[in-house]
Amino acid sequence: MATVTMSFKYPGKAIKPGTKGEIVSAIQQQLNVKGFGPLKIDDDYGSHTTAAIQAFQAARHLTADGITNKETWDALFGIVLPSLGIADVALQVITSQLGQNEIPHGSNSGPMVNQYLKSVGLNPGYAWCQALVYWSYNQAATKLSVPNPVLRTAGVMDCWARTAAEKKISAADAIANPSLIKPGYQMILDHGKGMGHTGLVESLNGITMATIEGNSNNNGSRDGEMVVRQTGRTLKDKQLKGFIKY
């Protein structure tokens, strides 16, 4: 397992957003090395660096506050961990999007929302939860230089219907064996009449899930305006169709 040579020692205090200087460039460079870029090496601990640190912290099960404290520093500049799979990297990507929202509200558009929709060939104005999943996996596939395994569609139920059977885990099978469900798997909710909602599984505690979802809100809507973390969905939700493993 390769190691990374540290250019700086931990300065003895947390490095916070807004910090500037050479030490920030070291953090940015190391985030790029670890696959959490690309970041511009500019000495500025701005919003992009903060989001990258949060994604790194979430992937290492650290407090995702965007502050480089001693624990985060040691993880960032320590031994390189084994290679991550595409589901792990896609989860990192989608986690970095938490808080992205529609501009203006209710428009199904905005700087990042438009990028999600563009990735599946759509202009602004469409529901985008599935597009976010595709975009996140596409970013991960680019980082890993592998094909994107997610179908290029903005339709949740279309994605479920056209995905190969061997990649699907039904809700019944998940309830019978929750260990089948891994972080980064795609959750499929069926709202009937061809309408669905989706996101990526972040964690599973018993039958209760934490998921990262786009086009949602803190109430779990399928027609919300933000990328949010949901913590109240369970494997026994009536609308749960199943999961797709990548």
Protein backbone atom coordinates (compact mmCIF):
# COMPACT_ATOMS: atom_id res chain seq x y z
CA MET A 1 0.00 0.00 0.00
CA ALA A 2 1.51 3.32 -1.04
CA THR A 3 2.07 6.17 1.40
CA VAL A 4 1.86 9.89 0.85
CA THR A 5 4.72 12.14 1.92
CA MET A 6 3.55 15.03 4.06
CA SER A 7 4.77 18.45 2.94
CA PHE A 8 3.52 20.07 6.17
CA LYS A 9 3.03 19.05 9.75
CA TYR A 10 -0.36 19.62 11.34
CA PRO A 11 -0.23 23.27 12.46
CA GLY A 12 -1.72 22.58 15.87
CA LYS A 13 -5.10 24.12 15.18
CA ALA A 14 -7.98 23.37 12.82
CA ILE A 15 -7.86 24.86 9.34
CA LYS A 16 -11.25 26.41 8.64
CA PRO A 17 -13.10 27.77 5.61
CA GLY A 18 -11.81 31.24 4.81
CA THR A 19 -8.20 30.33 5.56
CA LYS A 20 -5.65 31.29 2.91
CA GLY A 21 -2.05 30.29 2.34
CA GLU A 22 0.35 27.54 1.42
CA ILE A 23 -1.12 25.08 3.87
CA VAL A 24 -4.47 25.30 2.04
CA SER A 25 -2.72 24.45 -1.22
CA ALA A 26 -1.31 21.33 0.46
CA ILE A 27 -4.82 20.31 1.50
CA GLN A 28 -6.20 20.97 -1.99
CA GLN A 29 -3.43 18.97 -3.63
CA GLN A 30 -3.99 16.04 -1.28
CA LEU A 31 -7.75 16.11 -1.90
CA ASN A 32 -6.99 15.82 -5.62
CA VAL A 33 -4.64 12.90 -4.95
CA LYS A 34 -7.34 11.15 -2.94
CA GLY A 35 -9.89 11.60 -5.74
CA PHE A 36 -11.96 14.40 -4.22
CA GLY A 37 -11.19 17.00 -6.89
CA PRO A 38 -10.45 18.36 -9.25
CA LEU A 39 -9.70 21.40 -7.14
CA LYS A 40 -7.81 24.46 -8.31
CA ILE A 41 -4.65 24.87 -6.23
CA ASP A 42 -5.18 28.51 -5.25
CA ASP A 43 -4.34 28.85 -1.50
CA ASP A 44 -8.00 29.66 -0.80
CA TYR A 45 -10.12 27.50 1.53
CA GLY A 46 -13.33 28.49 -0.25
CA SER A 47 -16.63 26.77 -0.91
CA HIS A 48 -15.22 24.17 -3.34
CA THR A 49 -12.48 23.10 -0.91
CA THR A 50 -14.99 23.02 1.95
CA ALA A 51 -17.35 20.77 -0.05
CA ALA A 52 -14.46 18.47 -0.98
CA ILE A 53 -13.40 18.19 2.68
CA GLN A 54 -16.98 17.39 3.66
CA ALA A 55 -17.17 14.63 1.04
CA PHE A 56 -13.82 13.25 2.22
CA GLN A 57 -14.95 13.32 5.84
CA ALA A 58 -18.23 11.58 5.04
CA ALA A 59 -16.40 8.86 3.12
CA ARG A 60 -14.10 8.28 6.11
CA HIS A 61 -17.00 8.36 8.60
CA LEU A 62 -15.72 11.56 10.20
CA THR A 63 -17.83 14.56 11.21
CA ALA A 64 -18.58 16.20 7.86
CA ASP A 65 -18.24 19.82 8.97
CA GLY A 66 -15.77 20.96 6.29
CA ILE A 67 -13.10 21.84 8.89
CA THR A 68 -9.67 20.20 8.66
CA ASN A 69 -9.03 19.27 12.28
CA LYS A 70 -6.32 16.86 13.48
CA GLU A 71 -8.41 13.76 12.77
CA THR A 72 -9.25 14.89 9.24
CA TRP A 73 -5.63 15.96 8.63
CA ASP A 74 -4.30 12.55 9.70
CA ALA A 75 -6.78 10.76 7.45
CA LEU A 76 -6.00 13.07 4.53
CA PHE A 77 -2.22 12.86 4.75
CA GLY A 78 -1.89 9.34 6.09
CA ILE A 79 -1.78 5.97 4.36
CA VAL A 80 -3.75 5.69 1.15
CA LEU A 81 -6.77 3.46 1.69
CA PRO A 82 -7.60 0.57 -0.64
CA SER A 83 -9.23 1.53 -3.91
CA LEU A 84 -12.88 2.40 -3.64
CA GLY A 85 -15.58 0.93 -5.87
CA ILE A 86 -17.76 3.07 -8.09
CA ALA A 87 -20.69 2.96 -5.63
CA ASP A 88 -18.42 4.35 -2.88
CA VAL A 89 -17.14 7.15 -5.10
CA ALA A 90 -20.65 8.00 -6.37
CA LEU A 91 -21.78 8.30 -2.75
CA GLN A 92 -18.90 10.70 -2.10
CA VAL A 93 -19.96 12.75 -5.10
CA ILE A 94 -23.64 12.97 -4.20
CA THR A 95 -22.78 13.78 -0.58
CA SER A 96 -20.72 16.73 -1.81
CA GLN A 97 -23.94 18.11 -3.38
CA LEU A 98 -25.89 18.35 -0.11
CA GLY A 99 -27.57 21.74 0.08
CA GLN A 100 -27.61 22.38 -3.67
CA ASN A 101 -31.02 23.81 -4.51
CA GLU A 102 -33.22 25.09 -7.28
CA ILE A 103 -32.81 28.72 -8.32
CA PRO A 104 -35.42 30.13 -8.31
CA HIS A 105 -37.35 27.87 -5.96
CA GLY A 106 -39.86 25.62 -7.67
CA SER A 107 -38.24 25.97 -11.09
CA ASN A 108 -36.47 22.60 -11.50
CA SER A 109 -33.46 24.65 -12.57
CA GLY A 110 -30.39 26.34 -11.16
CA PRO A 111 -26.62 26.20 -11.78
CA MET A 112 -26.12 22.65 -10.47
CA VAL A 113 -29.63 21.34 -11.20
CA ASN A 114 -29.09 22.29 -14.83
CA GLN A 115 -25.87 20.24 -14.86
CA TYR A 116 -27.68 17.19 -13.47
CA LEU A 117 -30.36 17.47 -16.14
CA LYS A 118 -27.86 18.14 -18.91
CA SER A 119 -26.07 14.89 -18.03
CA VAL A 120 -29.20 12.96 -19.11
CA GLY A 121 -29.83 15.15 -22.15
CA LEU A 122 -32.52 17.42 -20.74
CA ASN A 123 -32.94 21.17 -20.50
CA PRO A 124 -33.91 22.87 -17.22
CA GLY A 125 -37.46 22.41 -15.97
CA TYR A 126 -37.73 18.65 -15.43
CA ALA A 127 -37.83 16.58 -12.25
CA TRP A 128 -34.20 15.79 -11.44
CA CYS A 129 -33.78 13.17 -8.68
CA GLN A 130 -32.84 10.45 -11.19
CA ALA A 131 -30.64 12.88 -13.11
CA LEU A 132 -28.69 13.56 -9.91
CA VAL A 133 -28.06 9.83 -9.44
CA TYR A 134 -26.88 9.49 -13.05
CA TRP A 135 -24.68 12.60 -12.75
CA SER A 136 -23.13 11.37 -9.49
CA TYR A 137 -22.24 8.00 -10.98
CA ASN A 138 -21.00 9.71 -14.13
CA GLN A 139 -18.64 11.84 -12.06
CA ALA A 140 -17.48 8.70 -10.25
CA ALA A 141 -17.00 6.81 -13.51
CA THR A 142 -14.86 9.65 -14.85
CA LYS A 143 -12.69 9.63 -11.71
CA LEU A 144 -12.18 5.86 -11.97
CA SER A 145 -11.91 5.76 -15.79
CA VAL A 146 -14.68 3.17 -16.04
CA PRO A 147 -18.10 3.15 -17.80
CA ASN A 148 -21.09 4.63 -16.00
CA PRO A 149 -23.29 1.66 -14.99
CA VAL A 150 -26.47 3.77 -14.53
CA LEU A 151 -28.94 3.98 -17.40
CA ARG A 152 -28.98 7.47 -18.94
CA THR A 153 -32.53 8.48 -18.15
CA ALA A 154 -34.36 11.04 -16.02
CA GLY A 155 -37.18 8.56 -15.30
CA VAL A 156 -36.95 6.69 -12.01
CA MET A 157 -39.36 3.93 -13.00
CA ASP A 158 -37.82 3.79 -16.48
CA CYS A 159 -34.44 3.18 -14.86
CA TRP A 160 -35.91 0.39 -12.72
CA ALA A 161 -37.76 -1.22 -15.62
CA ARG A 162 -34.76 -1.26 -17.98
CA THR A 163 -32.07 -2.24 -15.49
CA ALA A 164 -30.90 -5.85 -15.72
CA ALA A 165 -32.63 -8.17 -13.26
CA GLU A 166 -29.37 -9.32 -11.69
CA LYS A 167 -28.68 -5.76 -10.52
CA LYS A 168 -32.03 -5.42 -8.72
CA ILE A 169 -32.84 -6.16 -5.09
CA SER A 170 -36.56 -6.19 -4.33
CA ALA A 171 -37.97 -4.60 -1.20
CA ALA A 172 -39.05 -8.05 0.00
CA ASP A 173 -35.54 -9.44 -0.42
CA ALA A 174 -34.08 -6.42 1.36
CA ILE A 175 -36.42 -6.92 4.34
CA ALA A 176 -35.53 -10.60 4.48
CA ASN A 177 -31.81 -9.85 4.32
CA PRO A 178 -30.89 -6.20 5.03
CA SER A 179 -27.18 -7.01 4.64
CA LEU A 180 -27.78 -7.08 0.87
CA ILE A 181 -28.06 -3.28 0.89
CA LYS A 182 -24.76 -1.41 0.66
CA PRO A 183 -23.81 2.28 0.67
CA GLY A 184 -24.07 3.79 -2.79
CA TYR A 185 -26.88 1.51 -3.96
CA GLN A 186 -29.80 3.28 -5.65
CA MET A 187 -33.10 3.31 -3.76
CA ILE A 188 -36.28 3.20 -5.87
CA LEU A 189 -39.62 4.49 -4.58
CA ASP A 190 -42.75 3.84 -6.67
CA HIS A 191 -45.47 6.47 -6.26
CA GLY A 192 -47.75 4.90 -8.85
CA LYS A 193 -48.91 6.03 -12.30
CA GLY A 194 -45.34 5.88 -13.56
CA MET A 195 -44.04 8.33 -10.97
CA GLY A 196 -41.12 7.53 -8.74
CA HIS A 197 -38.42 8.98 -6.55
CA THR A 198 -34.83 7.96 -5.96
CA GLY A 199 -31.58 8.60 -4.13
CA LEU A 200 -28.48 6.78 -2.96
CA VAL A 201 -28.25 4.78 0.26
CA GLU A 202 -25.78 6.34 2.67
CA SER A 203 -26.17 3.83 5.50
CA LEU A 204 -28.53 1.24 6.92
CA ASN A 205 -29.22 0.71 10.63
CA GLY A 206 -31.49 -2.30 11.04
CA ILE A 207 -34.26 -1.48 8.59
CA THR A 208 -33.87 2.31 8.81
CA MET A 209 -32.01 4.03 5.99
CA ALA A 210 -30.08 7.24 5.60
CA THR A 211 -30.26 8.35 1.98
CA ILE A 212 -29.05 11.29 -0.10
CA GLU A 213 -31.79 12.50 -2.44
CA GLY A 214 -32.25 15.30 -4.95
CA ASN A 215 -35.46 17.14 -5.84
CA SER A 216 -36.57 16.62 -2.24
CA ASN A 217 -36.89 18.49 1.06
CA ASN A 218 -36.75 17.81 4.78
CA ASN A 219 -40.25 16.29 4.64
CA GLY A 220 -39.18 13.64 2.13
CA SER A 221 -41.11 15.07 -0.82
CA ARG A 222 -40.47 13.77 -4.35
CA ASP A 223 -41.06 17.30 -5.63
CA GLY A 224 -38.82 19.34 -3.37
CA GLU A 225 -36.11 21.80 -4.26
CA MET A 226 -32.87 20.57 -2.69
CA VAL A 227 -30.31 17.81 -2.32
CA VAL A 228 -30.97 16.55 1.20
CA ARG A 229 -30.16 13.74 3.59
CA GLN A 230 -33.21 11.70 4.63
CA THR A 231 -32.98 9.60 7.79
CA GLY A 232 -36.53 8.35 8.26
CA ARG A 233 -37.10 5.94 5.37
CA THR A 234 -37.26 2.22 6.15
CA LEU A 235 -37.20 -1.05 4.26
CA LYS A 236 -40.88 -1.43 5.09
CA ASP A 237 -42.00 1.81 3.42
CA LYS A 238 -45.02 0.96 1.25
CA GLN A 239 -43.59 2.89 -1.70
CA LEU A 240 -40.22 1.13 -1.66
CA LYS A 241 -39.82 -0.83 -4.89
CA GLY A 242 -36.29 -1.98 -4.28
CA PHE A 243 -32.64 -1.14 -4.90
CA ILE A 244 -30.19 -1.21 -7.77
CA LYS A 245 -26.65 -2.35 -7.01
CA TYR A 246 -23.73 -1.00 -9.00
